[in-house]
C-alpha atoms as a PDB file:
ATOM      1  CA  MET A   1      28.902  -8.589  -7.695  1.00  0.00           C
ATOM      2  CA  SER A   2      26.962  -6.377 -10.061  1.00  0.00           C
ATOM      3  CA  ARG A   3      28.390  -3.014 -11.120  1.00  0.00           C
ATOM      4  CA  VAL A   4      27.856  -0.293  -8.559  1.00  0.00           C
ATOM      5  CA  VAL A   5      27.774   3.486  -8.503  1.00  0.00           C
ATOM      6  CA  PHE A   6      27.925   5.979  -5.665  1.00  0.00           C
ATOM      7  CA  SER A   7      25.153   8.387  -4.738  1.00  0.00           C
ATOM      8  CA  THR A   8      25.058  10.947  -1.943  1.00  0.00           C
ATOM      9  CA  PHE A   9      22.204  12.491  -0.067  1.00  0.00           C
ATOM     10  CA  ALA A  10      22.336  15.228   2.537  1.00  0.00           C
ATOM     11  CA  THR A  11      20.847  15.580   5.963  1.00  0.00           C
ATOM     12  CA  LYS A  12      20.732  18.937   7.728  1.00  0.00           C
ATOM     13  CA  SER A  13      24.297  18.816   9.032  1.00  0.00           C
ATOM     14  CA  SER A  14      26.099  15.978   7.309  1.00  0.00           C
ATOM     15  CA  PHE A  15      26.383  13.943   4.148  1.00  0.00           C
ATOM     16  CA  SER A  16      25.922  10.175   4.061  1.00  0.00           C
ATOM     17  CA  LEU A  17      27.298   7.964   1.320  1.00  0.00           C
ATOM     18  CA  LEU A  18      25.306   4.989   0.137  1.00  0.00           C
ATOM     19  CA  LEU A  19      26.398   2.235  -2.199  1.00  0.00           C
ATOM     20  CA  PHE A  20      23.705   1.399  -4.729  1.00  0.00           C
ATOM     21  CA  PRO A  21      23.536  -1.398  -7.309  1.00  0.00           C
ATOM     22  CA  GLN A  22      23.566   0.013 -10.843  1.00  0.00           C
ATOM     23  CA  SER A  23      20.065  -1.283 -11.516  1.00  0.00           C
ATOM     24  CA  HIS A  24      18.647   0.813  -8.680  1.00  0.00           C
ATOM     25  CA  PHE A  25      20.553   4.040  -9.270  1.00  0.00           C
ATOM     26  CA  LYS A  26      17.975   5.717 -11.489  1.00  0.00           C
ATOM     27  CA  THR A  27      15.238   5.473  -8.868  1.00  0.00           C
ATOM     28  CA  SER A  28      17.567   6.252  -5.983  1.00  0.00           C
ATOM     29  CA  PHE A  29      19.011   9.335  -7.670  1.00  0.00           C
ATOM     30  CA  ARG A  30      15.542  10.735  -8.230  1.00  0.00           C
ATOM     31  CA  VAL A  31      14.335  10.279  -4.660  1.00  0.00           C
ATOM     32  CA  CYS A  32      17.500  10.912  -2.630  1.00  0.00           C
ATOM     33  CA  ARG A  33      17.349  14.721  -2.691  1.00  0.00           C
ATOM     34  CA  MET A  34      18.546  17.117  -0.053  1.00  0.00           C
ATOM     35  CA  ALA A  35      16.048  17.671   2.742  1.00  0.00           C
ATOM     36  CA  SER A  36      15.497  21.363   3.359  1.00  0.00           C
ATOM     37  CA  ASP A  37      16.222  22.947   6.729  1.00  0.00           C
ATOM     38  CA  SER A  38      12.513  23.440   7.243  1.00  0.00           C
ATOM     39  CA  SER A  39      11.781  19.760   6.750  1.00  0.00           C
ATOM     40  CA  SER A  40      14.156  18.744   9.534  1.00  0.00           C
ATOM     41  CA  SER A  41      13.461  21.526  12.008  1.00  0.00           C
ATOM     42  CA  SER A  42      10.786  19.724  14.031  1.00  0.00           C
ATOM     43  CA  SER A  43      11.694  19.053  17.633  1.00  0.00           C
ATOM     44  CA  SER A  44      12.297  15.408  18.487  1.00  0.00           C
ATOM     45  CA  SER A  45       9.685  15.816  21.210  1.00  0.00           C
ATOM     46  CA  SER A  46       6.926  16.983  18.856  1.00  0.00           C
ATOM     47  CA  PRO A  47       3.915  14.622  18.739  1.00  0.00           C
ATOM     48  CA  ALA A  48       3.693  14.599  14.956  1.00  0.00           C
ATOM     49  CA  PRO A  49       5.799  15.675  11.984  1.00  0.00           C
ATOM     50  CA  SER A  50       5.410  19.200  10.647  1.00  0.00           C
ATOM     51  CA  PRO A  51       3.446  19.590   7.397  1.00  0.00           C
ATOM     52  CA  SER A  52       6.737  20.240   5.589  1.00  0.00           C
ATOM     53  CA  SER A  53       8.388  17.119   6.999  1.00  0.00           C
ATOM     54  CA  ALA A  54       5.318  14.993   6.319  1.00  0.00           C
ATOM     55  CA  ILE A  55       5.079  16.021   2.670  1.00  0.00           C
ATOM     56  CA  ASP A  56       8.839  15.604   2.142  1.00  0.00           C
ATOM     57  CA  PHE A  57       8.611  12.093   3.587  1.00  0.00           C
ATOM     58  CA  LEU A  58       5.546  11.153   1.551  1.00  0.00           C
ATOM     59  CA  THR A  59       7.134  12.515  -1.619  1.00  0.00           C
ATOM     60  CA  LEU A  60      10.142  10.295  -1.043  1.00  0.00           C
ATOM     61  CA  CYS A  61       7.819   7.331  -0.506  1.00  0.00           C
ATOM     62  CA  HIS A  62       6.316   7.917  -3.964  1.00  0.00           C
ATOM     63  CA  SER A  63       9.060   5.738  -5.424  1.00  0.00           C
ATOM     64  CA  LEU A  64       7.549   2.765  -3.578  1.00  0.00           C
ATOM     65  CA  LYS A  65       4.543   3.155  -5.880  1.00  0.00           C
ATOM     66  CA  SER A  66       6.594   3.503  -9.054  1.00  0.00           C
ATOM     67  CA  THR A  67       9.338   0.932  -8.446  1.00  0.00           C
ATOM     68  CA  LYS A  68       8.412  -2.528  -9.727  1.00  0.00           C
ATOM     69  CA  ARG A  69       9.366  -5.609  -7.724  1.00  0.00           C
ATOM     70  CA  ALA A  70      12.663  -6.758  -9.176  1.00  0.00           C
ATOM     71  CA  GLY A  71      11.983 -10.503  -9.077  1.00  0.00           C
ATOM     72  CA  TRP A  72       9.092 -10.157 -11.500  1.00  0.00           C
ATOM     73  CA  VAL A  73      10.922  -7.681 -13.714  1.00  0.00           C
ATOM     74  CA  LYS A  74      13.887 -10.026 -14.104  1.00  0.00           C
ATOM     75  CA  ARG A  75      11.543 -12.788 -15.222  1.00  0.00           C
ATOM     76  CA  ASP A  76       9.779 -10.567 -17.759  1.00  0.00           C
ATOM     77  CA  VAL A  77       6.409 -10.680 -16.024  1.00  0.00           C
ATOM     78  CA  ALA A  78       4.029  -8.284 -17.762  1.00  0.00           C
ATOM     79  CA  GLY A  79       2.755  -5.411 -15.597  1.00  0.00           C
ATOM     80  CA  PRO A  80       4.613  -6.432 -12.427  1.00  0.00           C
ATOM     81  CA  GLU A  81       3.474  -5.197  -9.039  1.00  0.00           C
ATOM     82  CA  SER A  82       5.216  -2.295  -7.313  1.00  0.00           C
ATOM     83  CA  ILE A  83       6.817  -2.379  -3.880  1.00  0.00           C
ATOM     84  CA  ALA A  84       3.816  -0.442  -2.541  1.00  0.00           C
ATOM     85  CA  ASP A  85       1.407  -2.965  -4.106  1.00  0.00           C
ATOM     86  CA  HIS A  86       3.204  -5.723  -2.230  1.00  0.00           C
ATOM     87  CA  MET A  87       3.139  -3.895   1.112  1.00  0.00           C
ATOM     88  CA  TYR A  88      -0.504  -2.899   0.719  1.00  0.00           C
ATOM     89  CA  ARG A  89      -1.729  -6.463   0.296  1.00  0.00           C
ATOM     90  CA  MET A  90       0.431  -7.551   3.214  1.00  0.00           C
ATOM     91  CA  GLY A  91      -1.360  -4.887   5.263  1.00  0.00           C
ATOM     92  CA  LEU A  92      -4.679  -6.411   4.201  1.00  0.00           C
ATOM     93  CA  MET A  93      -3.409  -9.845   5.184  1.00  0.00           C
ATOM     94  CA  ALA A  94      -2.696  -8.576   8.688  1.00  0.00           C
ATOM     95  CA  LEU A  95      -6.066  -6.817   8.811  1.00  0.00           C
ATOM     96  CA  ILE A  96      -8.105  -9.932   7.974  1.00  0.00           C
ATOM     97  CA  SER A  97      -6.000 -12.495   9.816  1.00  0.00           C
ATOM     98  CA  SER A  98      -7.441 -14.328  12.773  1.00  0.00           C
ATOM     99  CA  ASP A  99      -6.540 -13.290  16.294  1.00  0.00           C
ATOM    100  CA  THR A 100      -3.555 -15.212  17.637  1.00  0.00           C
ATOM    101  CA  PRO A 101      -2.662 -15.301  21.335  1.00  0.00           C
ATOM    102  CA  GLY A 102       0.398 -13.184  22.009  1.00  0.00           C
ATOM    103  CA  VAL A 103       0.271 -11.395  18.629  1.00  0.00           C
ATOM    104  CA  ASN A 104      -0.779  -7.748  18.305  1.00  0.00           C
ATOM    105  CA  ARG A 105      -2.662  -7.617  15.010  1.00  0.00           C
ATOM    106  CA  ASP A 106      -2.626  -3.808  14.808  1.00  0.00           C
ATOM    107  CA  LYS A 107       1.139  -3.891  15.168  1.00  0.00           C
ATOM    108  CA  CYS A 108       1.332  -6.437  12.344  1.00  0.00           C
ATOM    109  CA  ILE A 109      -0.621  -4.077  10.076  1.00  0.00           C
ATOM    110  CA  LYS A 110       1.808  -1.249  10.803  1.00  0.00           C
ATOM    111  CA  MET A 111       4.828  -3.491  10.355  1.00  0.00           C
ATOM    112  CA  ALA A 112       3.540  -4.709   6.993  1.00  0.00           C
ATOM    113  CA  ILE A 113       3.178  -1.107   5.830  1.00  0.00           C
ATOM    114  CA  VAL A 114       6.759  -0.171   6.710  1.00  0.00           C
ATOM    115  CA  HIS A 115       8.757  -3.399   6.332  1.00  0.00           C
ATOM    116  CA  ASP A 116      10.096  -2.490   2.857  1.00  0.00           C
ATOM    117  CA  ILE A 117      10.044   1.285   3.305  1.00  0.00           C
ATOM    118  CA  ALA A 118      13.832   1.679   2.960  1.00  0.00           C
ATOM    119  CA  GLU A 119      13.457   0.467  -0.624  1.00  0.00           C
ATOM    120  CA  ALA A 120      12.180   3.959  -1.414  1.00  0.00           C
ATOM    121  CA  ILE A 121      15.898   4.831  -1.480  1.00  0.00           C
ATOM    122  CA  VAL A 122      17.865   1.652  -2.145  1.00  0.00           C
ATOM    123  CA  GLY A 123      15.381  -0.057  -4.465  1.00  0.00           C
ATOM    124  CA  ASP A 124      14.408  -3.732  -4.433  1.00  0.00           C
ATOM    125  CA  ILE A 125      17.702  -5.588  -4.036  1.00  0.00           C
ATOM    126  CA  THR A 126      17.482  -9.299  -4.828  1.00  0.00           C
ATOM    127  CA  PRO A 127      20.009 -12.123  -4.258  1.00  0.00           C
ATOM    128  CA  SER A 128      20.864 -12.059  -7.967  1.00  0.00           C
ATOM    129  CA  ASP A 129      22.229  -8.519  -7.573  1.00  0.00           C
ATOM    130  CA  GLY A 130      25.244  -9.976  -5.778  1.00  0.00           C
ATOM    131  CA  VAL A 131      24.995  -7.669  -2.744  1.00  0.00           C
ATOM    132  CA  PRO A 132      25.968  -9.506   0.472  1.00  0.00           C
ATOM    133  CA  LYS A 133      23.187  -9.778   3.040  1.00  0.00           C
ATOM    134  CA  GLU A 134      25.128  -7.747   5.590  1.00  0.00           C
ATOM    135  CA  GLU A 135      25.758  -4.953   3.080  1.00  0.00           C
ATOM    136  CA  LYS A 136      22.121  -4.913   2.009  1.00  0.00           C
ATOM    137  CA  SER A 137      21.082  -4.592   5.647  1.00  0.00           C
ATOM    138  CA  ARG A 138      23.562  -1.756   6.207  1.00  0.00           C
ATOM    139  CA  MET A 139      22.350   0.132   3.145  1.00  0.00           C
ATOM    140  CA  GLU A 140      18.707  -0.230   4.130  1.00  0.00           C
ATOM    141  CA  LYS A 141      19.403   0.779   7.738  1.00  0.00           C
ATOM    142  CA  GLU A 142      21.197   3.933   6.582  1.00  0.00           C
ATOM    143  CA  ALA A 143      18.318   4.722   4.225  1.00  0.00           C
ATOM    144  CA  LEU A 144      15.806   4.199   7.050  1.00  0.00           C
ATOM    145  CA  ASP A 145      17.757   6.542   9.326  1.00  0.00           C
ATOM    146  CA  HIS A 146      17.681   9.201   6.610  1.00  0.00           C
ATOM    147  CA  MET A 147      13.939   8.802   6.121  1.00  0.00           C
ATOM    148  CA  CYS A 148      13.273   9.103   9.852  1.00  0.00           C
ATOM    149  CA  LYS A 149      15.332  12.299   9.971  1.00  0.00           C
ATOM    150  CA  LEU A 150      13.447  13.595   6.958  1.00  0.00           C
ATOM    151  CA  LEU A 151      10.212  12.952   8.844  1.00  0.00           C
ATOM    152  CA  GLY A 152      11.549  15.226  11.578  1.00  0.00           C
ATOM    153  CA  GLY A 153      12.300  12.651  14.240  1.00  0.00           C
ATOM    154  CA  GLY A 154       9.846  12.351  17.116  1.00  0.00           C
ATOM    155  CA  PRO A 155       7.403   9.584  18.035  1.00  0.00           C
ATOM    156  CA  ARG A 156       6.170   8.802  14.499  1.00  0.00           C
ATOM    157  CA  ALA A 157       9.692   8.410  13.122  1.00  0.00           C
ATOM    158  CA  GLU A 158      10.732   6.405  16.173  1.00  0.00           C
ATOM    159  CA  GLU A 159       7.771   4.061  15.720  1.00  0.00           C
ATOM    160  CA  ILE A 160       8.619   3.454  12.060  1.00  0.00           C
ATOM    161  CA  HIS A 161      12.257   2.845  12.974  1.00  0.00           C
ATOM    162  CA  ALA A 162      11.352   0.409  15.770  1.00  0.00           C
ATOM    163  CA  LEU A 163       8.888  -1.531  13.600  1.00  0.00           C
ATOM    164  CA  TRP A 164      11.407  -1.833  10.772  1.00  0.00           C
ATOM    165  CA  MET A 165      14.181  -3.013  13.095  1.00  0.00           C
ATOM    166  CA  GLU A 166      11.849  -5.521  14.769  1.00  0.00           C
ATOM    167  CA  TYR A 167      10.957  -6.971  11.373  1.00  0.00           C
ATOM    168  CA  GLU A 168      14.569  -6.977  10.197  1.00  0.00           C
ATOM    169  CA  GLU A 169      15.704  -8.832  13.325  1.00  0.00           C
ATOM    170  CA  ASN A 170      12.714 -11.226  13.283  1.00  0.00           C
ATOM    171  CA  SER A 171      12.672 -10.648  17.014  1.00  0.00           C
ATOM    172  CA  THR A 172       8.985 -10.802  17.993  1.00  0.00           C
ATOM    173  CA  PRO A 173       5.866 -12.899  17.309  1.00  0.00           C
ATOM    174  CA  GLU A 174       4.557 -10.029  15.160  1.00  0.00           C
ATOM    175  CA  ALA A 175       7.736  -9.991  13.081  1.00  0.00           C
ATOM    176  CA  LYS A 176       7.439 -13.725  12.461  1.00  0.00           C
ATOM    177  CA  VAL A 177       3.830 -13.336  11.303  1.00  0.00           C
ATOM    178  CA  VAL A 178       4.724 -10.475   8.948  1.00  0.00           C
ATOM    179  CA  LYS A 179       7.754 -12.380   7.625  1.00  0.00           C
ATOM    180  CA  ASP A 180       5.334 -15.146   6.707  1.00  0.00           C
ATOM    181  CA  PHE A 181       2.982 -12.632   5.073  1.00  0.00           C
ATOM    182  CA  ASP A 182       5.903 -11.413   2.973  1.00  0.00           C
ATOM    183  CA  LYS A 183       6.357 -14.912   1.556  1.00  0.00           C
ATOM    184  CA  ILE A 184       2.615 -15.546   1.297  1.00  0.00           C
ATOM    185  CA  GLU A 185       2.074 -12.388  -0.735  1.00  0.00           C
ATOM    186  CA  MET A 186       4.878 -13.389  -3.077  1.00  0.00           C
ATOM    187  CA  ILE A 187       3.609 -16.902  -3.798  1.00  0.00           C
ATOM    188  CA  LEU A 188       0.011 -15.704  -4.116  1.00  0.00           C
ATOM    189  CA  GLN A 189       1.208 -13.130  -6.640  1.00  0.00           C
ATOM    190  CA  ALA A 190       3.224 -15.826  -8.408  1.00  0.00           C
ATOM    191  CA  LEU A 191       0.116 -18.000  -8.672  1.00  0.00           C
ATOM    192  CA  GLU A 192      -1.838 -15.076 -10.099  1.00  0.00           C
ATOM    193  CA  TYR A 193       0.842 -14.356 -12.697  1.00  0.00           C
ATOM    194  CA  GLU A 194       0.968 -18.037 -13.625  1.00  0.00           C
ATOM    195  CA  THR A 195      -2.796 -18.039 -14.111  1.00  0.00           C
ATOM    196  CA  GLU A 196      -3.018 -14.733 -15.970  1.00  0.00           C
ATOM    197  CA  GLN A 197       0.073 -15.057 -18.143  1.00  0.00           C
ATOM    198  CA  ASN A 198       0.403 -18.821 -18.576  1.00  0.00           C
ATOM    199  CA  ARG A 199       3.828 -18.865 -16.946  1.00  0.00           C
ATOM    200  CA  ASP A 200       5.776 -21.281 -14.760  1.00  0.00           C
ATOM    201  CA  LEU A 201       7.111 -19.514 -11.662  1.00  0.00           C
ATOM    202  CA  GLU A 202       8.004 -22.624  -9.697  1.00  0.00           C
ATOM    203  CA  GLU A 203      11.218 -21.069  -8.361  1.00  0.00           C
ATOM    204  CA  PHE A 204       9.252 -18.647  -6.194  1.00  0.00           C
ATOM    205  CA  PHE A 205       7.360 -21.475  -4.543  1.00  0.00           C
ATOM    206  CA  GLU A 206      10.553 -23.475  -4.062  1.00  0.00           C
ATOM    207  CA  SER A 207      12.266 -20.494  -2.418  1.00  0.00           C
ATOM    208  CA  THR A 208       9.671 -20.424   0.380  1.00  0.00           C
ATOM    209  CA  ALA A 209       9.244 -24.160   0.937  1.00  0.00           C
ATOM    210  CA  GLY A 210       9.702 -25.095   4.598  1.00  0.00           C
ATOM    211  CA  LYS A 211      10.399 -21.489   5.639  1.00  0.00           C
ATOM    212  CA  PHE A 212       7.086 -20.478   7.189  1.00  0.00           C
ATOM    213  CA  GLN A 213       7.375 -19.802  10.919  1.00  0.00           C
ATOM    214  CA  THR A 214       3.751 -19.624  12.049  1.00  0.00           C
ATOM    215  CA  ASP A 215       0.692 -21.856  11.894  1.00  0.00           C
ATOM    216  CA  LEU A 216      -1.143 -19.071  10.087  1.00  0.00           C
ATOM    217  CA  GLY A 217       1.558 -18.785   7.442  1.00  0.00           C
ATOM    218  CA  LYS A 218       1.679 -22.542   6.947  1.00  0.00           C
ATOM    219  CA  ALA A 219      -2.107 -22.743   6.584  1.00  0.00           C
ATOM    220  CA  TRP A 220      -2.302 -19.948   4.007  1.00  0.00           C
ATOM    221  CA  ALA A 221       0.665 -21.346   2.066  1.00  0.00           C
ATOM    222  CA  SER A 222      -1.020 -24.748   2.011  1.00  0.00           C
ATOM    223  CA  GLU A 223      -4.207 -23.208   0.616  1.00  0.00           C
ATOM    224  CA  ILE A 224      -2.260 -21.469  -2.164  1.00  0.00           C
ATOM    225  CA  ALA A 225      -0.416 -24.701  -2.996  1.00  0.00           C
ATOM    226  CA  SER A 226      -3.734 -26.591  -3.132  1.00  0.00           C
ATOM    227  CA  ARG A 227      -5.233 -24.056  -5.545  1.00  0.00           C
ATOM    228  CA  ARG A 228      -2.123 -24.170  -7.707  1.00  0.00           C
ATOM    229  CA  LYS A 229      -2.247 -27.951  -7.876  1.00  0.00           C
ATOM    230  CA  LYS A 230      -5.855 -27.841  -9.081  1.00  0.00           C
ATOM    231  CA  GLN A 231      -4.768 -25.680 -12.008  1.00  0.00           C
ATOM    232  CA  GLU A 232      -2.134 -28.155 -13.234  1.00  0.00           C
END
């Protein structure tokens, strides 16, 4: 396992301790600041977060824009995409996808927007970091809980929490579609980096082979593979 350090962040009434990989500490330390009493004073029954809670939450989410996706960084890709870049294009994928019986497309768009939101605190943890899957899930769940409290609780926070958990558990047709979009976005980005930077990123394509769960995901993956083959 990679070296680790401890970082604390505070909620209104208690402190939570998260275990962060060393490589993610710099970002996490910057964004995991104490939420003020005013930012967590909204009633759980309020229809929307207070202006203070909303801006605190959005400020925390800034790190999604500034944190580069670790897989590309570790392979020295020039100008790698951020976590927010990745989620944004996944949102577009859900927006333009064809209607599928039993799948709520609007829900897929929302799920794509929030599926990696906990990385605003824990960073982009990859298998090479040596963090067990169960520990990674625990860290991200604790980070998500903190972010929902920062947002002031209520329906908006509950919706984000439910969408994230649904994706994490791969428990619905929408989650399966968005899981496929996650892989699709990665291999499409890999193809673009190969084309732009004359690189071989075969490992990213191999890591998704045979793992698509939906007909839509399989069709889009096939199209990307066909375009890649033409460039050989």
